[in-house]
Amino acid sequence: MIRCSRRAKVPDAWGQAMRARRAGAFCLAAILVAGLAAPASAIDRRVRVVNDSSHDIVRFFAVSVGAPDPTESMLGDDILAAGSFVVLNFEDGSGYCRYRFRAIFDDGLDLLRESVNVCEVGSYRYTD
């Protein structure tokens, strides 16, 4: 929280007016900087990936749009069983919100979604 106070005691009216003006300018600058910085750091890039299909997801890849394809599954050596979910964090320090999702299922089905906005969606669901 930013608080700005203009309670400084100044001996004359001119000095008081100048101090008040400087204090107001400082407060405005502080509020602007805080307002611009807060949204970037406050964005939650965690997404709940839900497998509501009848097949296990054996590999799951995600990469920011325009980047080369990843070589490692975000699931590691695990699988995302049918009927389960995992919460994945896409915060990589880049500030990107749009990611390409690729899920490979145990029956060989390979699904690609070109642009998922991880800054806006809280959940992404796979179904039959």
C-alpha atoms as a PDB file:
ATOM      1  CA  MET A   1       0.000   0.000   0.000  1.00  0.00           C
ATOM      2  CA  ILE A   2       1.287   3.449  -0.835  1.00  0.00           C
ATOM      3  CA  ARG A   3       0.520   6.309   1.508  1.00  0.00           C
ATOM      4  CA  CYS A   4       1.236   9.911   0.747  1.00  0.00           C
ATOM      5  CA  SER A   5       1.159  12.583   3.390  1.00  0.00           C
ATOM      6  CA  ARG A   6       1.408  16.337   3.000  1.00  0.00           C
ATOM      7  CA  ARG A   7       1.731  17.206   6.683  1.00  0.00           C
ATOM      8  CA  ALA A   8       5.209  18.802   6.510  1.00  0.00           C
ATOM      9  CA  LYS A   9       5.532  22.063   8.487  1.00  0.00           C
ATOM     10  CA  VAL A  10       6.996  24.944   6.529  1.00  0.00           C
ATOM     11  CA  PRO A  11       7.536  28.475   7.870  1.00  0.00           C
ATOM     12  CA  ASP A  12       5.882  30.398   5.035  1.00  0.00           C
ATOM     13  CA  ALA A  13       3.051  29.960   2.549  1.00  0.00           C
ATOM     14  CA  TRP A  14       5.354  29.895  -0.535  1.00  0.00           C
ATOM     15  CA  GLY A  15       7.520  27.125   0.911  1.00  0.00           C
ATOM     16  CA  GLN A  16       4.445  25.201   1.959  1.00  0.00           C
ATOM     17  CA  ALA A  17       2.977  25.408  -1.534  1.00  0.00           C
ATOM     18  CA  MET A  18       6.250  24.213  -3.093  1.00  0.00           C
ATOM     19  CA  ARG A  19       6.556  21.315  -0.651  1.00  0.00           C
ATOM     20  CA  ALA A  20       2.953  20.306  -1.244  1.00  0.00           C
ATOM     21  CA  ARG A  21       3.537  20.383  -5.001  1.00  0.00           C
ATOM     22  CA  ARG A  22       6.700  18.248  -4.707  1.00  0.00           C
ATOM     23  CA  ALA A  23       4.975  15.816  -2.363  1.00  0.00           C
ATOM     24  CA  GLY A  24       2.048  15.528  -4.772  1.00  0.00           C
ATOM     25  CA  ALA A  25       4.397  14.914  -7.710  1.00  0.00           C
ATOM     26  CA  PHE A  26       6.277  12.273  -5.721  1.00  0.00           C
ATOM     27  CA  CYS A  27       3.036  10.543  -4.716  1.00  0.00           C
ATOM     28  CA  LEU A  28       1.789  10.546  -8.296  1.00  0.00           C
ATOM     29  CA  ALA A  29       5.073   9.084  -9.532  1.00  0.00           C
ATOM     30  CA  ALA A  30       5.017   6.389  -6.828  1.00  0.00           C
ATOM     31  CA  ILE A  31       1.427   5.437  -7.643  1.00  0.00           C
ATOM     32  CA  LEU A  32       2.181   5.259 -11.376  1.00  0.00           C
ATOM     33  CA  VAL A  33       5.242   3.079 -10.856  1.00  0.00           C
ATOM     34  CA  ALA A  34       3.350   0.784  -8.484  1.00  0.00           C
ATOM     35  CA  GLY A  35       0.392   0.618 -10.855  1.00  0.00           C
ATOM     36  CA  LEU A  36       2.586  -0.326 -13.799  1.00  0.00           C
ATOM     37  CA  ALA A  37       4.717  -2.833 -11.909  1.00  0.00           C
ATOM     38  CA  ALA A  38       1.956  -4.615  -9.993  1.00  0.00           C
ATOM     39  CA  PRO A  39       0.034  -6.158 -12.901  1.00  0.00           C
ATOM     40  CA  ALA A  40       3.114  -7.854 -14.360  1.00  0.00           C
ATOM     41  CA  SER A  41       4.094  -9.466 -11.090  1.00  0.00           C
ATOM     42  CA  ALA A  42       0.518 -10.184 -10.035  1.00  0.00           C
ATOM     43  CA  ILE A  43      -0.390 -12.300 -13.062  1.00  0.00           C
ATOM     44  CA  ASP A  44      -0.963 -15.915 -12.099  1.00  0.00           C
ATOM     45  CA  ARG A  45       0.406 -18.186 -14.814  1.00  0.00           C
ATOM     46  CA  ARG A  46      -0.608 -21.445 -13.129  1.00  0.00           C
ATOM     47  CA  VAL A  47      -3.012 -23.577 -15.135  1.00  0.00           C
ATOM     48  CA  ARG A  48      -4.888 -26.651 -13.989  1.00  0.00           C
ATOM     49  CA  VAL A  49      -4.625 -29.182 -16.843  1.00  0.00           C
ATOM     50  CA  VAL A  50      -7.542 -31.597 -16.531  1.00  0.00           C
ATOM     51  CA  ASN A  51      -7.689 -34.944 -18.292  1.00  0.00           C
ATOM     52  CA  ASP A  52     -11.398 -35.712 -18.602  1.00  0.00           C
ATOM     53  CA  SER A  53     -10.775 -38.112 -21.476  1.00  0.00           C
ATOM     54  CA  SER A  54     -10.839 -41.905 -21.258  1.00  0.00           C
ATOM     55  CA  HIS A  55      -7.099 -42.163 -22.075  1.00  0.00           C
ATOM     56  CA  ASP A  56      -3.968 -41.259 -20.120  1.00  0.00           C
ATOM     57  CA  ILE A  57      -1.850 -38.320 -21.263  1.00  0.00           C
ATOM     58  CA  VAL A  58       1.647 -39.762 -21.494  1.00  0.00           C
ATOM     59  CA  ARG A  59       3.445 -36.573 -22.531  1.00  0.00           C
ATOM     60  CA  PHE A  60       2.541 -32.897 -22.246  1.00  0.00           C
ATOM     61  CA  PHE A  61       4.524 -30.099 -23.840  1.00  0.00           C
ATOM     62  CA  ALA A  62       4.085 -26.351 -23.574  1.00  0.00           C
ATOM     63  CA  VAL A  63       6.152 -23.556 -25.024  1.00  0.00           C
ATOM     64  CA  SER A  64       5.570 -19.858 -25.615  1.00  0.00           C
ATOM     65  CA  VAL A  65       4.161 -19.148 -29.058  1.00  0.00           C
ATOM     66  CA  GLY A  66       6.968 -18.628 -31.561  1.00  0.00           C
ATOM     67  CA  ALA A  67       9.588 -20.536 -29.567  1.00  0.00           C
ATOM     68  CA  PRO A  68      11.099 -23.831 -30.765  1.00  0.00           C
ATOM     69  CA  ASP A  69       9.346 -27.037 -29.757  1.00  0.00           C
ATOM     70  CA  PRO A  70      10.373 -28.338 -26.333  1.00  0.00           C
ATOM     71  CA  THR A  71      12.092 -31.693 -26.023  1.00  0.00           C
ATOM     72  CA  GLU A  72      11.026 -32.585 -22.470  1.00  0.00           C
ATOM     73  CA  SER A  73       7.519 -33.298 -21.262  1.00  0.00           C
ATOM     74  CA  MET A  74       6.280 -31.049 -18.456  1.00  0.00           C
ATOM     75  CA  LEU A  75       5.072 -34.239 -16.786  1.00  0.00           C
ATOM     76  CA  GLY A  76       8.603 -35.619 -16.625  1.00  0.00           C
ATOM     77  CA  ASP A  77       8.412 -39.404 -16.278  1.00  0.00           C
ATOM     78  CA  ASP A  78       4.847 -39.215 -14.938  1.00  0.00           C
ATOM     79  CA  ILE A  79       1.560 -39.514 -16.801  1.00  0.00           C
ATOM     80  CA  LEU A  80      -1.679 -37.618 -16.385  1.00  0.00           C
ATOM     81  CA  ALA A  81      -4.157 -40.438 -15.823  1.00  0.00           C
ATOM     82  CA  ALA A  82      -7.671 -40.298 -17.211  1.00  0.00           C
ATOM     83  CA  GLY A  83      -9.905 -38.436 -14.766  1.00  0.00           C
ATOM     84  CA  SER A  84      -7.076 -36.592 -13.013  1.00  0.00           C
ATOM     85  CA  PHE A  85      -5.449 -33.170 -13.162  1.00  0.00           C
ATOM     86  CA  VAL A  86      -2.151 -31.413 -12.570  1.00  0.00           C
ATOM     87  CA  VAL A  87      -1.407 -27.757 -11.853  1.00  0.00           C
ATOM     88  CA  LEU A  88       1.441 -26.437 -13.990  1.00  0.00           C
ATOM     89  CA  ASN A  89       3.224 -23.120 -13.488  1.00  0.00           C
ATOM     90  CA  PHE A  90       4.113 -21.275 -16.691  1.00  0.00           C
ATOM     91  CA  GLU A  91       5.951 -18.441 -14.933  1.00  0.00           C
ATOM     92  CA  ASP A  92       9.359 -18.475 -16.603  1.00  0.00           C
ATOM     93  CA  GLY A  93      10.291 -14.819 -16.147  1.00  0.00           C
ATOM     94  CA  SER A  94       9.640 -13.989 -19.811  1.00  0.00           C
ATOM     95  CA  GLY A  95       6.312 -12.239 -19.223  1.00  0.00           C
ATOM     96  CA  TYR A  96       4.714 -14.242 -22.048  1.00  0.00           C
ATOM     97  CA  CYS A  97       1.089 -15.285 -21.745  1.00  0.00           C
ATOM     98  CA  ARG A  98       0.439 -17.225 -24.964  1.00  0.00           C
ATOM     99  CA  TYR A  99       1.629 -20.833 -25.016  1.00  0.00           C
ATOM    100  CA  ARG A 100       1.343 -23.726 -27.438  1.00  0.00           C
ATOM    101  CA  PHE A 101       0.018 -26.892 -25.728  1.00  0.00           C
ATOM    102  CA  ARG A 102       0.653 -30.398 -27.045  1.00  0.00           C
ATOM    103  CA  ALA A 103      -0.730 -33.529 -25.389  1.00  0.00           C
ATOM    104  CA  ILE A 104       0.117 -37.068 -26.449  1.00  0.00           C
ATOM    105  CA  PHE A 105      -2.264 -39.793 -25.275  1.00  0.00           C
ATOM    106  CA  ASP A 106      -1.633 -43.483 -24.592  1.00  0.00           C
ATOM    107  CA  ASP A 107      -3.582 -44.438 -27.746  1.00  0.00           C
ATOM    108  CA  GLY A 108      -1.219 -42.351 -29.908  1.00  0.00           C
ATOM    109  CA  LEU A 109      -3.521 -39.351 -30.351  1.00  0.00           C
ATOM    110  CA  ASP A 110      -1.483 -36.138 -30.576  1.00  0.00           C
ATOM    111  CA  LEU A 111      -3.443 -32.914 -29.878  1.00  0.00           C
ATOM    112  CA  LEU A 112      -1.977 -29.471 -30.505  1.00  0.00           C
ATOM    113  CA  ARG A 113      -3.484 -26.148 -29.422  1.00  0.00           C
ATOM    114  CA  GLU A 114      -1.595 -23.262 -31.002  1.00  0.00           C
ATOM    115  CA  SER A 115      -2.362 -20.444 -28.560  1.00  0.00           C
ATOM    116  CA  VAL A 116      -3.533 -20.754 -24.954  1.00  0.00           C
ATOM    117  CA  ASN A 117      -3.467 -17.597 -22.863  1.00  0.00           C
ATOM    118  CA  VAL A 118      -2.131 -18.861 -19.517  1.00  0.00           C
ATOM    119  CA  CYS A 119      -2.635 -15.398 -17.988  1.00  0.00           C
ATOM    120  CA  GLU A 120      -6.413 -15.642 -18.504  1.00  0.00           C
ATOM    121  CA  VAL A 121      -7.337 -19.315 -18.200  1.00  0.00           C
ATOM    122  CA  GLY A 122      -7.264 -21.037 -14.851  1.00  0.00           C
ATOM    123  CA  SER A 123      -8.068 -24.453 -16.252  1.00  0.00           C
ATOM    124  CA  TYR A 124      -7.556 -26.299 -19.539  1.00  0.00           C
ATOM    125  CA  ARG A 125      -9.572 -29.477 -20.105  1.00  0.00           C
ATOM    126  CA  TYR A 126      -9.054 -32.474 -22.412  1.00  0.00           C
ATOM    127  CA  THR A 127     -12.176 -34.534 -23.195  1.00  0.00           C
ATOM    128  CA  ASP A 128     -13.131 -37.352 -25.572  1.00  0.00           C
END
